[in-house]
């Protein structure tokens, strides 16, 4: 395992990174992240939520401005334009034009890929 990532015991006996929410599921919501960071850092929930929201806003702001957001050891956020196309309504069969649109893209780092490969 590498660096600052916590290790959790998997059912198969492997050690890896697994998002575990407080409700017993395998999903991790923003609320869970805020709670975990607050408990690990000693910051209040309100302060931590403000930091997480500001962090997410900066990523969104950068992506919408066409910038490349690189978080070493985690990955790169970018955006790309999906080409316009002709689609078909499956119910009516009528063709319609779908305009080009920007979509977010995330490329994981080699470190993150290695960690996830160890989990599998």
PDB file of N, CA and C in Angstrom:
ATOM      1  N   UNK A   1       0.849  -1.175   0.000  1.00  0.00           N
ATOM      2  CA  UNK A   1       0.000   0.000   0.000  1.00  0.00           C
ATOM      3  C   UNK A   1       0.886   1.226   0.000  1.00  0.00           C
ATOM      4  N   UNK A   2       0.324   2.307  -0.456  1.00  0.00           N
ATOM      5  CA  UNK A   2       1.154   3.476  -0.589  1.00  0.00           C
ATOM      6  C   UNK A   2       0.623   4.638   0.212  1.00  0.00           C
ATOM      7  N   UNK A   3       1.503   5.453   0.658  1.00  0.00           N
ATOM      8  CA  UNK A   3       1.273   6.792   1.149  1.00  0.00           C
ATOM      9  C   UNK A   3       0.203   7.018   2.181  1.00  0.00           C
ATOM     10  N   UNK A   4      -0.638   7.990   1.909  1.00  0.00           N
ATOM     11  CA  UNK A   4      -1.578   8.519   2.879  1.00  0.00           C
ATOM     12  C   UNK A   4      -2.957   7.874   2.813  1.00  0.00           C
ATOM     13  N   UNK A   5      -3.111   6.788   2.078  1.00  0.00           N
ATOM     14  CA  UNK A   5      -4.424   6.182   1.933  1.00  0.00           C
ATOM     15  C   UNK A   5      -4.648   5.153   3.040  1.00  0.00           C
ATOM     16  N   UNK A   6      -5.816   5.182   3.699  1.00  0.00           N
ATOM     17  CA  UNK A   6      -6.084   4.200   4.749  1.00  0.00           C
ATOM     18  C   UNK A   6      -6.335   2.821   4.161  1.00  0.00           C
ATOM     19  N   UNK A   7      -6.040   1.797   4.908  1.00  0.00           N
ATOM     20  CA  UNK A   7      -6.266   0.426   4.460  1.00  0.00           C
ATOM     21  C   UNK A   7      -7.439  -0.161   5.219  1.00  0.00           C
ATOM     22  N   UNK A   8      -8.291  -0.883   4.525  1.00  0.00           N
ATOM     23  CA  UNK A   8      -9.436  -1.539   5.126  1.00  0.00           C
ATOM     24  C   UNK A   8      -9.382  -3.007   4.786  1.00  0.00           C
ATOM     25  N   UNK A   9      -9.874  -3.864   5.674  1.00  0.00           N
ATOM     26  CA  UNK A   9      -9.881  -5.312   5.439  1.00  0.00           C
ATOM     27  C   UNK A   9     -11.063  -5.652   4.538  1.00  0.00           C
ATOM     28  N   UNK A  10     -10.786  -6.341   3.446  1.00  0.00           N
ATOM     29  CA  UNK A  10     -11.829  -6.760   2.512  1.00  0.00           C
ATOM     30  C   UNK A  10     -12.329  -8.142   2.910  1.00  0.00           C
ATOM     31  N   UNK A  11     -13.541  -8.505   2.504  1.00  0.00           N
ATOM     32  CA  UNK A  11     -14.072  -9.820   2.852  1.00  0.00           C
ATOM     33  C   UNK A  11     -13.198 -10.976   2.378  1.00  0.00           C
ATOM     34  N   UNK A  12     -12.541 -10.828   1.223  1.00  0.00           N
ATOM     35  CA  UNK A  12     -11.727 -11.903   0.670  1.00  0.00           C
ATOM     36  C   UNK A  12     -10.375 -12.019   1.377  1.00  0.00           C
ATOM     37  N   UNK A  13     -10.133 -11.157   2.368  1.00  0.00           N
ATOM     38  CA  UNK A  13      -8.872 -11.204   3.092  1.00  0.00           C
ATOM     39  C   UNK A  13      -7.806 -10.320   2.489  1.00  0.00           C
ATOM     40  N   UNK A  14      -8.121  -9.625   1.400  1.00  0.00           N
ATOM     41  CA  UNK A  14      -7.171  -8.708   0.793  1.00  0.00           C
ATOM     42  C   UNK A  14      -7.249  -7.370   1.504  1.00  0.00           C
ATOM     43  N   UNK A  15      -6.155  -6.625   1.462  1.00  0.00           N
ATOM     44  CA  UNK A  15      -6.143  -5.293   2.051  1.00  0.00           C
ATOM     45  C   UNK A  15      -6.218  -4.285   0.930  1.00  0.00           C
ATOM     46  N   UNK A  16      -7.083  -3.285   1.062  1.00  0.00           N
ATOM     47  CA  UNK A  16      -7.187  -2.282   0.014  1.00  0.00           C
ATOM     48  C   UNK A  16      -7.994  -1.085   0.456  1.00  0.00           C
ATOM     49  N   UNK A  17      -8.205  -0.179  -0.453  1.00  0.00           N
ATOM     50  CA  UNK A  17      -8.974   1.021  -0.211  1.00  0.00           C
ATOM     51  C   UNK A  17     -10.420   0.719  -0.554  1.00  0.00           C
ATOM     52  N   UNK A  18     -11.301   0.861   0.405  1.00  0.00           N
ATOM     53  CA  UNK A  18     -12.709   0.592   0.164  1.00  0.00           C
ATOM     54  C   UNK A  18     -13.522   1.715   0.794  1.00  0.00           C
ATOM     55  N   UNK A  19     -14.352   2.411   0.000  1.00  0.00           N
ATOM     56  CA  UNK A  19     -15.216   3.422   0.601  1.00  0.00           C
ATOM     57  C   UNK A  19     -16.347   2.757   1.372  1.00  0.00           C
ATOM     58  N   UNK A  20     -16.400   2.982   2.667  1.00  0.00           N
ATOM     59  CA  UNK A  20     -17.446   2.386   3.481  1.00  0.00           C
ATOM     60  C   UNK A  20     -18.222   3.520   4.137  1.00  0.00           C
ATOM     61  N   UNK A  21     -19.512   3.571   3.876  1.00  0.00           N
ATOM     62  CA  UNK A  21     -20.307   4.641   4.469  1.00  0.00           C
ATOM     63  C   UNK A  21     -20.845   4.217   5.833  1.00  0.00           C
ATOM     64  N   UNK A  22     -21.359   5.162   6.567  1.00  0.00           N
ATOM     65  CA  UNK A  22     -21.873   4.901   7.899  1.00  0.00           C
ATOM     66  C   UNK A  22     -23.149   4.087   7.902  1.00  0.00           C
ATOM     67  N   UNK A  23     -23.724   3.841   6.756  1.00  0.00           N
ATOM     68  CA  UNK A  23     -24.968   3.100   6.659  1.00  0.00           C
ATOM     69  C   UNK A  23     -24.731   1.643   6.276  1.00  0.00           C
ATOM     70  N   UNK A  24     -23.467   1.187   6.283  1.00  0.00           N
ATOM     71  CA  UNK A  24     -23.172  -0.204   5.985  1.00  0.00           C
ATOM     72  C   UNK A  24     -23.053  -0.515   4.507  1.00  0.00           C
ATOM     73  N   UNK A  25     -23.192   0.486   3.640  1.00  0.00           N
ATOM     74  CA  UNK A  25     -23.094   0.263   2.206  1.00  0.00           C
ATOM     75  C   UNK A  25     -21.697   0.534   1.687  1.00  0.00           C
ATOM     76  N   UNK A  26     -21.537   0.481   0.383  1.00  0.00           N
ATOM     77  CA  UNK A  26     -20.236   0.702  -0.227  1.00  0.00           C
ATOM     78  C   UNK A  26     -20.177   2.041  -0.943  1.00  0.00           C
ATOM     79  N   UNK A  27     -21.143   2.926  -0.686  1.00  0.00           N
ATOM     80  CA  UNK A  27     -21.134   4.241  -1.311  1.00  0.00           C
ATOM     81  C   UNK A  27     -20.596   5.267  -0.341  1.00  0.00           C
ATOM     82  N   UNK A  28     -19.909   6.259  -0.878  1.00  0.00           N
ATOM     83  CA  UNK A  28     -19.334   7.322  -0.063  1.00  0.00           C
ATOM     84  C   UNK A  28     -19.889   8.634  -0.570  1.00  0.00           C
ATOM     85  N   UNK A  29     -20.678   9.302   0.257  1.00  0.00           N
ATOM     86  CA  UNK A  29     -21.275  10.577  -0.131  1.00  0.00           C
ATOM     87  C   UNK A  29     -20.424  11.723   0.394  1.00  0.00           C
ATOM     88  N   UNK A  30     -20.704  12.927  -0.104  1.00  0.00           N
ATOM     89  CA  UNK A  30     -19.971  14.105   0.349  1.00  0.00           C
ATOM     90  C   UNK A  30     -20.105  14.266   1.860  1.00  0.00           C
ATOM     91  N   UNK A  31     -21.267  14.013   2.382  1.00  0.00           N
ATOM     92  CA  UNK A  31     -21.513  14.098   3.825  1.00  0.00           C
ATOM     93  C   UNK A  31     -20.572  13.167   4.596  1.00  0.00           C
ATOM     94  N   UNK A  32     -20.343  11.959   4.073  1.00  0.00           N
ATOM     95  CA  UNK A  32     -19.442  11.001   4.715  1.00  0.00           C
ATOM     96  C   UNK A  32     -18.002  11.494   4.676  1.00  0.00           C
ATOM     97  N   UNK A  33     -17.612  12.066   3.547  1.00  0.00           N
ATOM     98  CA  UNK A  33     -16.257  12.601   3.409  1.00  0.00           C
ATOM     99  C   UNK A  33     -16.043  13.744   4.393  1.00  0.00           C
ATOM    100  N   UNK A  34     -17.015  14.637   4.489  1.00  0.00           N
ATOM    101  CA  UNK A  34     -16.916  15.774   5.419  1.00  0.00           C
ATOM    102  C   UNK A  34     -16.782  15.262   6.849  1.00  0.00           C
ATOM    103  N   UNK A  35     -17.614  14.302   7.230  1.00  0.00           N
ATOM    104  CA  UNK A  35     -17.573  13.752   8.586  1.00  0.00           C
ATOM    105  C   UNK A  35     -16.214  13.108   8.889  1.00  0.00           C
ATOM    106  N   UNK A  36     -15.690  12.324   7.937  1.00  0.00           N
ATOM    107  CA  UNK A  36     -14.411  11.643   8.135  1.00  0.00           C
ATOM    108  C   UNK A  36     -13.262  12.637   8.253  1.00  0.00           C
ATOM    109  N   UNK A  37     -13.244  13.633   7.378  1.00  0.00           N
ATOM    110  CA  UNK A  37     -12.171  14.631   7.420  1.00  0.00           C
ATOM    111  C   UNK A  37     -12.253  15.434   8.713  1.00  0.00           C
ATOM    112  N   UNK A  38     -13.457  15.790   9.131  1.00  0.00           N
ATOM    113  CA  UNK A  38     -13.633  16.547  10.372  1.00  0.00           C
ATOM    114  C   UNK A  38     -13.108  15.759  11.564  1.00  0.00           C
ATOM    115  N   UNK A  39     -13.412  14.467  11.626  1.00  0.00           N
ATOM    116  CA  UNK A  39     -12.953  13.662  12.761  1.00  0.00           C
ATOM    117  C   UNK A  39     -11.441  13.441  12.730  1.00  0.00           C
ATOM    118  N   UNK A  40     -10.847  13.351  11.528  1.00  0.00           N
ATOM    119  CA  UNK A  40      -9.403  13.130  11.413  1.00  0.00           C
ATOM    120  C   UNK A  40      -8.588  14.396  11.657  1.00  0.00           C
ATOM    121  N   UNK A  41      -9.153  15.554  11.342  1.00  0.00           N
ATOM    122  CA  UNK A  41      -8.394  16.800  11.457  1.00  0.00           C
ATOM    123  C   UNK A  41      -8.721  17.608  12.702  1.00  0.00           C
ATOM    124  N   UNK A  42      -9.856  17.325  13.325  1.00  0.00           N
ATOM    125  CA  UNK A  42     -10.263  18.105  14.488  1.00  0.00           C
ATOM    126  C   UNK A  42     -10.997  19.384  14.122  1.00  0.00           C
ATOM    127  N   UNK A  43     -11.221  19.613  12.832  1.00  0.00           N
ATOM    128  CA  UNK A  43     -12.001  20.772  12.407  1.00  0.00           C
ATOM    129  C   UNK A  43     -13.478  20.500  12.671  1.00  0.00           C
ATOM    130  N   UNK A  44     -14.277  21.560  12.752  1.00  0.00           N
ATOM    131  CA  UNK A  44     -15.715  21.368  12.923  1.00  0.00           C
ATOM    132  C   UNK A  44     -16.310  20.900  11.596  1.00  0.00           C
ATOM    133  N   UNK A  45     -17.520  20.342  11.677  1.00  0.00           N
ATOM    134  CA  UNK A  45     -18.215  19.899  10.471  1.00  0.00           C
ATOM    135  C   UNK A  45     -18.477  21.081   9.533  1.00  0.00           C
ATOM    136  N   UNK A  46     -18.806  22.240  10.099  1.00  0.00           N
ATOM    137  CA  UNK A  46     -19.096  23.425   9.294  1.00  0.00           C
ATOM    138  C   UNK A  46     -17.840  23.885   8.555  1.00  0.00           C
ATOM    139  N   UNK A  47     -16.717  23.928   9.255  1.00  0.00           N
ATOM    140  CA  UNK A  47     -15.454  24.335   8.619  1.00  0.00           C
ATOM    141  C   UNK A  47     -15.041  23.347   7.537  1.00  0.00           C
ATOM    142  N   UNK A  48     -15.152  22.059   7.845  1.00  0.00           N
ATOM    143  CA  UNK A  48     -14.766  21.024   6.881  1.00  0.00           C
ATOM    144  C   UNK A  48     -15.654  21.060   5.647  1.00  0.00           C
ATOM    145  N   UNK A  49     -16.957  21.248   5.858  1.00  0.00           N
ATOM    146  CA  UNK A  49     -17.879  21.321   4.724  1.00  0.00           C
ATOM    147  C   UNK A  49     -17.533  22.505   3.834  1.00  0.00           C
ATOM    148  N   UNK A  50     -17.154  23.638   4.435  1.00  0.00           N
ATOM    149  CA  UNK A  50     -16.770  24.820   3.658  1.00  0.00           C
ATOM    150  C   UNK A  50     -15.515  24.538   2.835  1.00  0.00           C
ATOM    151  N   UNK A  51     -14.557  23.833   3.414  1.00  0.00           N
ATOM    152  CA  UNK A  51     -13.323  23.497   2.690  1.00  0.00           C
ATOM    153  C   UNK A  51     -13.617  22.536   1.536  1.00  0.00           C
ATOM    154  N   UNK A  52     -14.405  21.502   1.793  1.00  0.00           N
ATOM    155  CA  UNK A  52     -14.743  20.526   0.747  1.00  0.00           C
ATOM    156  C   UNK A  52     -15.515  21.205  -0.382  1.00  0.00           C
ATOM    157  N   UNK A  53     -16.481  22.056  -0.027  1.00  0.00           N
ATOM    158  CA  UNK A  53     -17.249  22.774  -1.049  1.00  0.00           C
ATOM    159  C   UNK A  53     -16.365  23.701  -1.871  1.00  0.00           C
ATOM    160  N   UNK A  54     -15.433  24.402  -1.216  1.00  0.00           N
ATOM    161  CA  UNK A  54     -14.522  25.294  -1.934  1.00  0.00           C
ATOM    162  C   UNK A  54     -13.614  24.496  -2.872  1.00  0.00           C
ATOM    163  N   UNK A  55     -13.138  23.341  -2.402  1.00  0.00           N
ATOM    164  CA  UNK A  55     -12.285  22.474  -3.214  1.00  0.00           C
ATOM    165  C   UNK A  55     -13.029  22.012  -4.467  1.00  0.00           C
ATOM    166  N   UNK A  56     -14.257  21.546  -4.271  1.00  0.00           N
ATOM    167  CA  UNK A  56     -15.055  21.088  -5.410  1.00  0.00           C
ATOM    168  C   UNK A  56     -15.364  22.244  -6.358  1.00  0.00           C
ATOM    169  N   UNK A  57     -15.645  23.414  -5.821  1.00  0.00           N
ATOM    170  CA  UNK A  57     -15.934  24.588  -6.659  1.00  0.00           C
ATOM    171  C   UNK A  57     -14.735  24.955  -7.520  1.00  0.00           C
ATOM    172  N   UNK A  58     -13.537  24.872  -6.935  1.00  0.00           N
ATOM    173  CA  UNK A  58     -12.327  25.195  -7.695  1.00  0.00           C
ATOM    174  C   UNK A  58     -12.106  24.202  -8.829  1.00  0.00           C
ATOM    175  N   UNK A  59     -12.375  22.942  -8.585  1.00  0.00           N
ATOM    176  CA  UNK A  59     -12.242  21.933  -9.650  1.00  0.00           C
ATOM    177  C   UNK A  59     -13.258  22.218 -10.757  1.00  0.00           C
ATOM    178  N   UNK A  60     -14.507  22.458 -10.391  1.00  0.00           N
ATOM    179  CA  UNK A  60     -15.547  22.758 -11.378  1.00  0.00           C
ATOM    180  C   UNK A  60     -15.212  24.027 -12.147  1.00  0.00           C
ATOM    181  N   UNK A  61     -14.760  25.045 -11.434  1.00  0.00           N
ATOM    182  CA  UNK A  61     -14.394  26.320 -12.060  1.00  0.00           C
ATOM    183  C   UNK A  61     -13.267  26.118 -13.075  1.00  0.00           C
ATOM    184  N   UNK A  62     -12.265  25.333 -12.711  1.00  0.00           N
ATOM    185  CA  UNK A  62     -11.151  25.071 -13.610  1.00  0.00           C
ATOM    186  C   UNK A  62     -11.564  24.283 -14.837  1.00  0.00           C
ATOM    187  N   UNK A  63     -12.372  23.258 -14.630  1.00  0.00           N
ATOM    188  CA  UNK A  63     -12.823  22.423 -15.752  1.00  0.00           C
ATOM    189  C   UNK A  63     -13.662  23.241 -16.728  1.00  0.00           C
ATOM    190  N   UNK A  64     -14.578  24.057 -16.199  1.00  0.00           N
ATOM    191  CA  UNK A  64     -15.432  24.851 -17.086  1.00  0.00           C
ATOM    192  C   UNK A  64     -14.643  25.917 -17.821  1.00  0.00           C
ATOM    193  N   UNK A  65     -13.489  26.322 -17.265  1.00  0.00           N
ATOM    194  CA  UNK A  65     -12.631  27.301 -17.933  1.00  0.00           C
ATOM    195  C   UNK A  65     -11.688  26.622 -18.929  1.00  0.00           C
ATOM    196  N   UNK A  66     -11.785  25.306 -19.054  1.00  0.00           N
ATOM    197  CA  UNK A  66     -10.949  24.575 -20.002  1.00  0.00           C
ATOM    198  C   UNK A  66      -9.568  24.249 -19.469  1.00  0.00           C
ATOM    199  N   UNK A  67      -9.374  24.365 -18.155  1.00  0.00           N
ATOM    200  CA  UNK A  67      -8.066  24.078 -17.557  1.00  0.00           C
ATOM    201  C   UNK A  67      -7.942  22.601 -17.221  1.00  0.00           C
ATOM    202  N   UNK A  68      -6.695  22.182 -17.044  1.00  0.00           N
ATOM    203  CA  UNK A  68      -6.363  20.811 -16.655  1.00  0.00           C
ATOM    204  C   UNK A  68      -6.042  20.854 -15.165  1.00  0.00           C
ATOM    205  N   UNK A  69      -6.800  20.131 -14.354  1.00  0.00           N
ATOM    206  CA  UNK A  69      -6.613  20.117 -12.901  1.00  0.00           C
ATOM    207  C   UNK A  69      -5.868  18.838 -12.535  1.00  0.00           C
ATOM    208  N   UNK A  70      -4.627  18.976 -12.094  1.00  0.00           N
ATOM    209  CA  UNK A  70      -3.797  17.810 -11.775  1.00  0.00           C
ATOM    210  C   UNK A  70      -3.604  17.704 -10.269  1.00  0.00           C
ATOM    211  N   UNK A  71      -4.003  16.558  -9.723  1.00  0.00           N
ATOM    212  CA  UNK A  71      -3.794  16.252  -8.315  1.00  0.00           C
ATOM    213  C   UNK A  71      -2.824  15.073  -8.265  1.00  0.00           C
ATOM    214  N   UNK A  72      -1.553  15.376  -8.013  1.00  0.00           N
ATOM    215  CA  UNK A  72      -0.507  14.342  -8.036  1.00  0.00           C
ATOM    216  C   UNK A  72      -0.868  13.189  -7.109  1.00  0.00           C
ATOM    217  N   UNK A  73      -0.698  11.982  -7.599  1.00  0.00           N
ATOM    218  CA  UNK A  73      -1.008  10.790  -6.837  1.00  0.00           C
ATOM    219  C   UNK A  73      -2.475  10.409  -6.880  1.00  0.00           C
ATOM    220  N   UNK A  74      -3.307  11.244  -7.481  1.00  0.00           N
ATOM    221  CA  UNK A  74      -4.742  10.957  -7.558  1.00  0.00           C
ATOM    222  C   UNK A  74      -5.209  10.888  -9.004  1.00  0.00           C
ATOM    223  N   UNK A  75      -5.023  11.980  -9.767  1.00  0.00           N
ATOM    224  CA  UNK A  75      -5.445  11.965 -11.156  1.00  0.00           C
ATOM    225  C   UNK A  75      -5.595  13.359 -11.728  1.00  0.00           C
ATOM    226  N   UNK A  76      -6.112  13.407 -12.944  1.00  0.00           N
ATOM    227  CA  UNK A  76      -6.262  14.671 -13.671  1.00  0.00           C
ATOM    228  C   UNK A  76      -7.713  14.831 -14.110  1.00  0.00           C
ATOM    229  N   UNK A  77      -8.273  16.004 -13.829  1.00  0.00           N
ATOM    230  CA  UNK A  77      -9.607  16.370 -14.286  1.00  0.00           C
ATOM    231  C   UNK A  77      -9.466  17.295 -15.486  1.00  0.00           C
ATOM    232  N   UNK A  78     -10.193  17.010 -16.538  1.00  0.00           N
ATOM    233  CA  UNK A  78     -10.233  17.874 -17.715  1.00  0.00           C
ATOM    234  C   UNK A  78     -11.657  17.849 -18.261  1.00  0.00           C
ATOM    235  N   UNK A  79     -11.863  18.580 -19.326  1.00  0.00           N
ATOM    236  CA  UNK A  79     -13.142  18.484 -20.021  1.00  0.00           C
ATOM    237  C   UNK A  79     -12.849  18.284 -21.500  1.00  0.00           C
ATOM    238  N   UNK A  80     -13.791  17.726 -22.191  1.00  0.00           N
ATOM    239  CA  UNK A  80     -13.669  17.599 -23.628  1.00  0.00           C
ATOM    240  C   UNK A  80     -15.045  17.817 -24.233  1.00  0.00           C
ATOM    241  N   UNK A  81     -15.061  18.116 -25.522  1.00  0.00           N
ATOM    242  CA  UNK A  81     -16.322  18.377 -26.191  1.00  0.00           C
ATOM    243  C   UNK A  81     -16.765  17.109 -26.913  1.00  0.00           C
ATOM    244  N   UNK A  82     -17.963  16.676 -26.588  1.00  0.00           N
ATOM    245  CA  UNK A  82     -18.556  15.529 -27.285  1.00  0.00           C
ATOM    246  C   UNK A  82     -19.206  16.060 -28.557  1.00  0.00           C
ATOM    247  N   UNK A  83     -18.889  15.430 -29.680  1.00  0.00           N
ATOM    248  CA  UNK A  83     -19.423  15.885 -30.972  1.00  0.00           C
ATOM    249  C   UNK A  83     -20.941  15.790 -31.006  1.00  0.00           C
ATOM    250  N   UNK A  84     -21.520  16.684 -31.784  1.00  0.00           N
ATOM    251  CA  UNK A  84     -22.957  16.620 -32.019  1.00  0.00           C
ATOM    252  C   UNK A  84     -23.278  15.381 -32.840  1.00  0.00           C
ATOM    253  N   UNK A  85     -24.499  14.918 -32.751  1.00  0.00           N
ATOM    254  CA  UNK A  85     -24.869  13.705 -33.478  1.00  0.00           C
ATOM    255  C   UNK A  85     -26.371  13.697 -33.736  1.00  0.00           C
ATOM    256  N   UNK A  86     -26.777  12.776 -34.568  1.00  0.00           N
ATOM    257  CA  UNK A  86     -28.201  12.583 -34.832  1.00  0.00           C
ATOM    258  C   UNK A  86     -28.644  11.386 -33.999  1.00  0.00           C
ATOM    259  N   UNK A  87     -29.678  11.587 -33.183  1.00  0.00           N
ATOM    260  CA  UNK A  87     -30.223  10.515 -32.355  1.00  0.00           C
ATOM    261  C   UNK A  87     -31.636  10.193 -32.837  1.00  0.00           C
ATOM    262  N   UNK A  88     -32.172   9.113 -32.298  1.00  0.00           N
ATOM    263  CA  UNK A  88     -33.514   8.707 -32.693  1.00  0.00           C
ATOM    264  C   UNK A  88     -34.330   8.431 -31.442  1.00  0.00           C
ATOM    265  N   UNK A  89     -35.531   8.969 -31.407  1.00  0.00           N
ATOM    266  CA  UNK A  89     -36.456   8.693 -30.316  1.00  0.00           C
ATOM    267  C   UNK A  89     -36.946   7.262 -30.500  1.00  0.00           C
ATOM    268  N   UNK A  90     -36.650   6.356 -29.560  1.00  0.00           N
ATOM    269  CA  UNK A  90     -37.026   4.956 -29.753  1.00  0.00           C
ATOM    270  C   UNK A  90     -38.540   4.727 -29.786  1.00  0.00           C
ATOM    271  N   UNK A  91     -39.300   5.605 -29.159  1.00  0.00           N
ATOM    272  CA  UNK A  91     -40.755   5.435 -29.128  1.00  0.00           C
ATOM    273  C   UNK A  91     -41.406   5.842 -30.451  1.00  0.00           C
ATOM    274  N   UNK A  92     -40.965   7.002 -30.981  1.00  0.00           N
ATOM    275  CA  UNK A  92     -41.597   7.516 -32.203  1.00  0.00           C
ATOM    276  C   UNK A  92     -40.782   7.235 -33.460  1.00  0.00           C
ATOM    277  N   UNK A  93     -39.495   6.963 -33.289  1.00  0.00           N
ATOM    278  CA  UNK A  93     -38.636   6.758 -34.446  1.00  0.00           C
ATOM    279  C   UNK A  93     -38.160   8.062 -35.074  1.00  0.00           C
ATOM    280  N   UNK A  94     -38.599   9.172 -34.541  1.00  0.00           N
ATOM    281  CA  UNK A  94     -38.249  10.483 -35.094  1.00  0.00           C
ATOM    282  C   UNK A  94     -36.779  10.811 -34.798  1.00  0.00           C
ATOM    283  N   UNK A  95     -36.086  11.331 -35.816  1.00  0.00           N
ATOM    284  CA  UNK A  95     -34.686  11.723 -35.648  1.00  0.00           C
ATOM    285  C   UNK A  95     -34.615  13.127 -35.073  1.00  0.00           C
ATOM    286  N   UNK A  96     -33.599  13.346 -34.219  1.00  0.00           N
ATOM    287  CA  UNK A  96     -33.381  14.676 -33.683  1.00  0.00           C
ATOM    288  C   UNK A  96     -31.887  14.946 -33.572  1.00  0.00           C
ATOM    289  N   UNK A  97     -31.518  16.205 -33.652  1.00  0.00           N
ATOM    290  CA  UNK A  97     -30.120  16.617 -33.606  1.00  0.00           C
ATOM    291  C   UNK A  97     -29.714  16.871 -32.161  1.00  0.00           C
ATOM    292  N   UNK A  98     -28.680  16.177 -31.694  1.00  0.00           N
ATOM    293  CA  UNK A  98     -28.126  16.404 -30.363  1.00  0.00           C
ATOM    294  C   UNK A  98     -26.914  17.312 -30.551  1.00  0.00           C
ATOM    295  N   UNK A  99     -26.910  18.501 -29.933  1.00  0.00           N
ATOM    296  CA  UNK A  99     -25.811  19.441 -30.139  1.00  0.00           C
ATOM    297  C   UNK A  99     -24.534  19.008 -29.419  1.00  0.00           C
ATOM    298  N   UNK A 100     -23.380  19.532 -29.818  1.00  0.00           N
ATOM    299  CA  UNK A 100     -22.140  19.235 -29.101  1.00  0.00           C
ATOM    300  C   UNK A 100     -22.250  19.738 -27.656  1.00  0.00           C
ATOM    301  N   UNK A 101     -21.590  19.050 -26.734  1.00  0.00           N
ATOM    302  CA  UNK A 101     -21.605  19.498 -25.341  1.00  0.00           C
ATOM    303  C   UNK A 101     -20.278  19.143 -24.672  1.00  0.00           C
ATOM    304  N   UNK A 102     -19.952  19.895 -23.638  1.00  0.00           N
ATOM    305  CA  UNK A 102     -18.731  19.641 -22.871  1.00  0.00           C
ATOM    306  C   UNK A 102     -19.036  18.591 -21.813  1.00  0.00           C
ATOM    307  N   UNK A 103     -18.105  17.655 -21.625  1.00  0.00           N
ATOM    308  CA  UNK A 103     -18.268  16.638 -20.590  1.00  0.00           C
ATOM    309  C   UNK A 103     -17.006  16.589 -19.731  1.00  0.00           C
ATOM    310  N   UNK A 104     -17.151  16.284 -18.430  1.00  0.00           N
ATOM    311  CA  UNK A 104     -15.975  16.156 -17.573  1.00  0.00           C
ATOM    312  C   UNK A 104     -15.275  14.827 -17.827  1.00  0.00           C
ATOM    313  N   UNK A 105     -13.952  14.838 -17.703  1.00  0.00           N
ATOM    314  CA  UNK A 105     -13.154  13.634 -17.900  1.00  0.00           C
ATOM    315  C   UNK A 105     -12.195  13.515 -16.713  1.00  0.00           C
ATOM    316  N   UNK A 106     -12.070  12.303 -16.157  1.00  0.00           N
ATOM    317  CA  UNK A 106     -11.117  12.045 -15.081  1.00  0.00           C
ATOM    318  C   UNK A 106     -10.191  10.934 -15.514  1.00  0.00           C
ATOM    319  N   UNK A 107      -8.879  11.183 -15.400  1.00  0.00           N
ATOM    320  CA  UNK A 107      -7.887  10.161 -15.712  1.00  0.00           C
ATOM    321  C   UNK A 107      -7.119   9.862 -14.425  1.00  0.00           C
ATOM    322  N   UNK A 108      -7.243   8.649 -13.891  1.00  0.00           N
ATOM    323  CA  UNK A 108      -6.546   8.327 -12.644  1.00  0.00           C
ATOM    324  C   UNK A 108      -5.036   8.281 -12.829  1.00  0.00           C
ATOM    325  N   UNK A 109      -4.299   8.591 -11.755  1.00  0.00           N
ATOM    326  CA  UNK A 109      -2.840   8.548 -11.799  1.00  0.00           C
ATOM    327  C   UNK A 109      -2.360   7.101 -11.758  1.00  0.00           C
ATOM    328  N   UNK A 110      -1.090   6.901 -12.047  1.00  0.00           N
ATOM    329  CA  UNK A 110      -0.502   5.567 -11.976  1.00  0.00           C
ATOM    330  C   UNK A 110      -0.573   5.033 -10.551  1.00  0.00           C
ATOM    331  N   UNK A 111      -0.362   5.922  -9.572  1.00  0.00           N
ATOM    332  CA  UNK A 111      -0.425   5.527  -8.171  1.00  0.00           C
ATOM    333  C   UNK A 111      -1.811   5.006  -7.809  1.00  0.00           C
ATOM    334  N   UNK A 112      -2.845   5.726  -8.204  1.00  0.00           N
ATOM    335  CA  UNK A 112      -4.223   5.310  -7.914  1.00  0.00           C
ATOM    336  C   UNK A 112      -4.547   3.997  -8.617  1.00  0.00           C
ATOM    337  N   UNK A 113      -4.114   3.862  -9.872  1.00  0.00           N
ATOM    338  CA  UNK A 113      -4.351   2.618 -10.607  1.00  0.00           C
ATOM    339  C   UNK A 113      -3.674   1.436  -9.903  1.00  0.00           C
ATOM    340  N   UNK A 114      -2.448   1.664  -9.415  1.00  0.00           N
ATOM    341  CA  UNK A 114      -1.706   0.600  -8.728  1.00  0.00           C
ATOM    342  C   UNK A 114      -2.422   0.186  -7.457  1.00  0.00           C
ATOM    343  N   UNK A 115      -2.907   1.159  -6.690  1.00  0.00           N
ATOM    344  CA  UNK A 115      -3.617   0.871  -5.450  1.00  0.00           C
ATOM    345  C   UNK A 115      -4.891   0.081  -5.739  1.00  0.00           C
ATOM    346  N   UNK A 116      -5.633   0.486  -6.744  1.00  0.00           N
ATOM    347  CA  UNK A 116      -6.872  -0.219  -7.089  1.00  0.00           C
ATOM    348  C   UNK A 116      -6.605  -1.615  -7.627  1.00  0.00           C
ATOM    349  N   UNK A 117      -5.487  -1.784  -8.319  1.00  0.00           N
ATOM    350  CA  UNK A 117      -5.134  -3.098  -8.843  1.00  0.00           C
ATOM    351  C   UNK A 117      -4.840  -4.066  -7.696  1.00  0.00           C
ATOM    352  N   UNK A 118      -4.226  -3.547  -6.603  1.00  0.00           N
ATOM    353  CA  UNK A 118      -3.922  -4.370  -5.444  1.00  0.00           C
ATOM    354  C   UNK A 118      -5.191  -4.818  -4.725  1.00  0.00           C
ATOM    355  N   UNK A 119      -6.250  -4.001  -4.800  1.00  0.00           N
ATOM    356  CA  UNK A 119      -7.514  -4.306  -4.136  1.00  0.00           C
ATOM    357  C   UNK A 119      -8.247  -5.436  -4.848  1.00  0.00           C
ATOM    358  N   UNK A 120      -8.180  -5.440  -6.160  1.00  0.00           N
ATOM    359  CA  UNK A 120      -8.947  -6.399  -6.968  1.00  0.00           C
ATOM    360  C   UNK A 120      -8.488  -7.822  -6.808  1.00  0.00           C
TER     361      UNK A 120
END
